[in-house]
Amino acid sequence: MKVNKLSFFVLAVLCCIAVSSCSQQDYDIQIPERVYGDMNLLNKNLTKDLNSSSNLSFEYQISDANEYIKYNVYVENNQLHSKLSYKQNDAKWVDISEIDFNFKKVNYKNGMNDIVEKHAETLKKKLDIAIINRVGNILEGLPEILYKKLGRNEYNNELTLSIFYHLAAFNTSIRAYEDKSKDCQCGVNNSYLSGESPFFCAEDVMVSADEAYDLIKERSIIKKIGGV
């Protein structure tokens, strides 16, 4: 099956399979539960070349639940700043995840795994595992929604793809909770370094294009049968 990597990746990444242990052997493969909701774009200026006017922000409300995610990413002084906030019901917004890095630094991608690892440790220290699991589960579904909302060109932008750093940090933190003997590492996948895909940890196994296509087709059939 011939698939354009950049256009198909958005679908394949939704089938990203998180391993239940740091070990590369005998892991339990699970596909994350889908979380549906409505996205409202608040601000958007996805310039091809990042500059001080580049920004993206949106709110996401979970269907059938009074839960909300807010994401804001912008550029200032060659730094890409991204912040994820969360709230339930009518409570105040709580900033739960912030990642900053200098995208002008030579070979900055080589150091992103260290940034994600350190941030995962911060999440583990300050958040309850139930919140980490819940937010991580919600983040799994956002790439597909962003792709549908923005289209291929605006989706394939460093601001949009920055959501993957947060997803990777939450997944790394979850693995650290599950393996109490040591903290999990976040190895960089070569496809990220070569510019073929957004960021994800090497510990998070990704299905092939053919497997992703079959899985998406199967889910579509199930939805039709169930009348969803």
Protein backbone atom coordinates (compact mmCIF):
# COMPACT_ATOMS: atom_id res chain seq x y z
CA MET A 1 0.00 0.00 0.00
CA LYS A 2 1.59 3.26 -1.16
CA VAL A 3 1.00 6.12 1.26
CA ASN A 4 2.34 9.68 1.36
CA LYS A 5 4.09 9.86 4.74
CA LEU A 6 3.15 13.41 5.66
CA SER A 7 -0.51 13.17 4.66
CA PHE A 8 -1.06 9.73 6.11
CA PHE A 9 0.88 10.24 9.32
CA VAL A 10 -1.97 12.16 10.89
CA LEU A 11 -4.07 9.00 10.60
CA ALA A 12 -1.34 6.58 11.57
CA VAL A 13 -0.44 8.54 14.67
CA LEU A 14 -3.96 8.13 15.99
CA CYS A 15 -3.28 4.44 16.11
CA CYS A 16 -0.11 5.07 18.10
CA ILE A 17 0.14 2.19 20.54
CA ALA A 18 1.37 2.91 24.04
CA VAL A 19 3.28 0.08 25.70
CA SER A 20 2.36 -0.67 29.29
CA SER A 21 5.94 -1.04 30.49
CA CYS A 22 9.39 0.41 29.89
CA SER A 23 10.49 -3.02 28.75
CA GLN A 24 10.65 -3.63 25.02
CA GLN A 25 9.52 -7.25 25.54
CA ASP A 26 6.25 -8.83 26.61
CA TYR A 27 4.35 -5.55 26.59
CA ASP A 28 0.61 -5.28 26.51
CA ILE A 29 -0.56 -3.46 23.40
CA GLN A 30 -3.57 -1.23 23.92
CA ILE A 31 -5.29 1.25 21.63
CA PRO A 32 -6.33 4.37 23.60
CA GLU A 33 -10.03 4.91 24.18
CA ARG A 34 -11.42 7.53 21.82
CA VAL A 35 -12.51 10.78 23.45
CA TYR A 36 -14.92 12.87 21.42
CA GLY A 37 -15.61 16.57 21.75
CA ASP A 38 -15.98 19.96 20.05
CA MET A 39 -13.07 22.25 19.19
CA ASN A 40 -13.29 26.02 19.09
CA LEU A 41 -10.38 27.88 17.49
CA LEU A 42 -9.67 31.07 19.44
CA ASN A 43 -6.69 32.49 17.54
CA LYS A 44 -4.78 31.29 14.52
CA ASN A 45 -1.86 32.71 12.57
CA LEU A 46 0.10 29.74 11.30
CA THR A 47 2.79 31.44 9.28
CA LYS A 48 5.12 29.28 7.20
CA ASP A 49 8.15 30.94 8.79
CA LEU A 50 7.72 31.29 12.54
CA ASN A 51 7.83 34.87 13.81
CA SER A 52 6.46 37.03 16.62
CA SER A 53 3.00 37.05 15.03
CA SER A 54 2.75 33.26 14.82
CA ASN A 55 0.20 31.76 17.21
CA LEU A 56 -2.48 29.14 17.69
CA SER A 57 -4.98 28.67 20.50
CA PHE A 58 -8.09 26.56 20.91
CA GLU A 59 -10.54 25.19 23.44
CA TYR A 60 -11.81 21.63 23.38
CA GLN A 61 -14.91 20.49 25.25
CA ILE A 62 -15.39 16.78 25.88
CA SER A 63 -18.74 15.45 24.69
CA ASP A 64 -21.10 14.28 27.45
CA ALA A 65 -18.74 15.61 30.13
CA ASN A 66 -18.04 18.97 31.68
CA GLU A 67 -14.35 18.77 30.90
CA TYR A 68 -12.30 21.27 28.93
CA ILE A 69 -8.83 21.49 27.43
CA LYS A 70 -7.27 24.79 26.35
CA TYR A 71 -4.08 25.00 24.32
CA ASN A 72 -2.04 28.09 23.52
CA VAL A 73 1.20 28.23 21.55
CA TYR A 74 3.08 31.29 20.31
CA VAL A 75 6.54 32.58 19.37
CA GLU A 76 8.59 35.15 21.27
CA ASN A 77 12.34 35.88 20.99
CA ASN A 78 12.99 32.69 19.00
CA GLN A 79 11.29 30.67 21.73
CA LEU A 80 8.27 28.51 21.05
CA HIS A 81 6.02 28.67 24.12
CA SER A 82 3.18 26.18 24.53
CA LYS A 83 0.76 25.79 27.41
CA LEU A 84 -1.96 23.24 28.11
CA SER A 85 -4.74 24.05 30.59
CA TYR A 86 -7.51 21.87 31.98
CA LYS A 87 -10.70 22.35 33.95
CA GLN A 88 -13.82 20.50 35.03
CA ASN A 89 -17.30 21.96 35.27
CA ASP A 90 -17.22 25.66 36.17
CA ALA A 91 -13.90 25.52 37.98
CA LYS A 92 -11.03 27.84 37.09
CA TRP A 93 -8.53 26.92 34.42
CA VAL A 94 -5.45 25.14 35.74
CA ASP A 95 -2.21 25.30 33.76
CA ILE A 96 -0.95 21.72 33.85
CA SER A 97 1.65 21.50 31.09
CA GLU A 98 4.09 24.08 29.71
CA ILE A 99 6.94 23.42 27.28
CA ASP A 100 9.32 26.07 25.91
CA PHE A 101 12.31 25.67 23.61
CA ASN A 102 14.50 27.66 21.23
CA PHE A 103 13.55 26.53 17.73
CA LYS A 104 16.37 28.62 16.23
CA LYS A 105 19.02 26.62 18.04
CA VAL A 106 21.06 24.44 15.68
CA ASN A 107 19.86 20.82 15.81
CA TYR A 108 17.31 21.67 18.50
CA LYS A 109 15.45 18.46 17.69
CA ASN A 110 18.29 16.40 19.13
CA GLY A 111 17.53 17.74 22.59
CA MET A 112 13.75 17.48 22.58
CA ASN A 113 13.73 14.03 24.18
CA ASP A 114 15.58 15.48 27.20
CA ILE A 115 13.04 18.30 27.44
CA VAL A 116 10.15 15.82 27.25
CA GLU A 117 11.74 13.54 29.87
CA LYS A 118 12.24 16.41 32.33
CA HIS A 119 8.72 17.65 31.74
CA ALA A 120 7.30 14.15 32.26
CA GLU A 121 9.00 14.05 35.64
CA THR A 122 7.44 17.41 36.51
CA LEU A 123 3.99 16.11 35.56
CA LYS A 124 4.53 13.02 37.67
CA LYS A 125 5.44 15.12 40.72
CA LYS A 126 2.66 17.68 40.54
CA LEU A 127 -0.34 15.80 39.10
CA ASP A 128 -2.40 12.87 40.27
CA ILE A 129 -2.09 9.80 38.04
CA ALA A 130 -5.83 9.89 37.34
CA ILE A 131 -5.49 13.38 35.82
CA ILE A 132 -2.38 12.36 33.87
CA ASN A 133 -4.21 9.36 32.44
CA ARG A 134 -7.32 11.36 31.61
CA VAL A 135 -5.54 14.28 29.93
CA GLY A 136 -3.21 11.92 28.11
CA ASN A 137 -6.23 10.04 26.81
CA ILE A 138 -7.80 13.28 25.57
CA LEU A 139 -4.57 14.36 23.88
CA GLU A 140 -4.49 11.12 21.88
CA GLY A 141 -7.49 12.27 19.85
CA LEU A 142 -6.50 15.90 19.23
CA PRO A 143 -4.21 15.38 16.19
CA GLU A 144 -7.08 14.00 14.11
CA ILE A 145 -9.36 16.85 15.12
CA LEU A 146 -6.69 19.48 14.41
CA TYR A 147 -6.04 17.96 11.00
CA LYS A 148 -9.72 18.10 10.09
CA LYS A 149 -10.03 21.63 11.45
CA LEU A 150 -6.90 23.09 9.82
CA GLY A 151 -6.15 21.03 6.74
CA ARG A 152 -2.83 19.50 5.72
CA ASN A 153 -0.80 22.69 5.18
CA GLU A 154 -1.63 24.38 8.49
CA TYR A 155 -1.48 21.09 10.34
CA ASN A 156 2.08 20.53 9.14
CA ASN A 157 3.34 23.53 11.13
CA GLU A 158 5.65 23.58 14.14
CA LEU A 159 3.02 25.38 16.22
CA THR A 160 0.33 22.79 15.51
CA LEU A 161 2.68 19.84 15.90
CA SER A 162 3.90 21.13 19.27
CA ILE A 163 0.92 19.31 20.82
CA PHE A 164 2.90 16.08 20.29
CA TYR A 165 5.56 17.17 22.81
CA HIS A 166 2.87 17.37 25.49
CA LEU A 167 1.35 14.04 24.43
CA ALA A 168 4.79 12.42 24.60
CA ALA A 169 5.42 13.88 28.07
CA PHE A 170 2.11 12.54 29.40
CA ASN A 171 2.78 9.10 27.89
CA THR A 172 6.28 9.08 29.40
CA SER A 173 4.91 10.03 32.80
CA ILE A 174 2.33 7.24 32.59
CA ARG A 175 5.05 4.71 31.79
CA ALA A 176 7.04 5.98 34.77
CA TYR A 177 4.05 5.36 37.05
CA GLU A 178 3.53 1.88 35.66
CA ASP A 179 7.17 0.85 36.11
CA LYS A 180 7.87 1.78 39.73
CA SER A 181 11.47 0.54 39.59
CA LYS A 182 12.72 3.39 37.41
CA ASP A 183 11.59 6.31 35.29
CA CYS A 184 10.96 5.53 31.66
CA GLN A 185 13.12 7.12 29.01
CA CYS A 186 11.90 8.99 25.94
CA GLY A 187 14.01 8.05 22.97
CA VAL A 188 13.60 10.12 19.81
CA ASN A 189 12.30 8.33 16.77
CA ASN A 190 14.44 8.85 13.67
CA SER A 191 11.42 9.86 11.60
CA TYR A 192 11.12 12.96 13.81
CA LEU A 193 14.78 13.89 13.39
CA SER A 194 14.48 13.54 9.61
CA GLY A 195 11.35 15.69 9.48
CA GLU A 196 9.05 12.87 8.36
CA SER A 197 6.82 12.94 11.43
CA PRO A 198 5.92 14.94 14.54
CA PHE A 199 7.59 14.08 17.85
CA PHE A 200 6.88 10.84 19.64
CA CYS A 201 8.97 8.69 21.95
CA ALA A 202 10.64 5.60 20.53
CA GLU A 203 9.06 3.67 23.42
CA ASP A 204 5.62 4.36 21.94
CA VAL A 205 5.23 1.84 19.17
CA MET A 206 3.61 3.05 15.98
CA VAL A 207 1.66 0.78 13.68
CA SER A 208 2.48 0.62 9.98
CA ALA A 209 0.45 2.45 7.35
CA ASP A 210 -1.33 -0.75 6.31
CA GLU A 211 -2.25 -1.59 9.92
CA ALA A 212 -3.43 1.97 10.53
CA TYR A 213 -5.61 1.88 7.41
CA ASP A 214 -7.19 -1.44 8.40
CA LEU A 215 -7.82 -0.19 11.96
CA ILE A 216 -9.43 3.05 10.78
CA LYS A 217 -11.60 1.13 8.31
CA GLU A 218 -12.64 -1.31 11.04
CA ARG A 219 -13.59 1.52 13.39
CA SER A 220 -15.60 3.17 10.62
CA ILE A 221 -17.56 -0.04 10.05
CA ILE A 222 -18.21 -0.43 13.79
CA LYS A 223 -19.49 3.15 14.00
CA LYS A 224 -21.87 2.57 11.07
CA ILE A 225 -23.20 -0.65 12.58
CA GLY A 226 -23.63 1.01 15.95
CA GLY A 227 -25.31 4.03 14.40
CA VAL A 228 -22.68 6.41 15.83
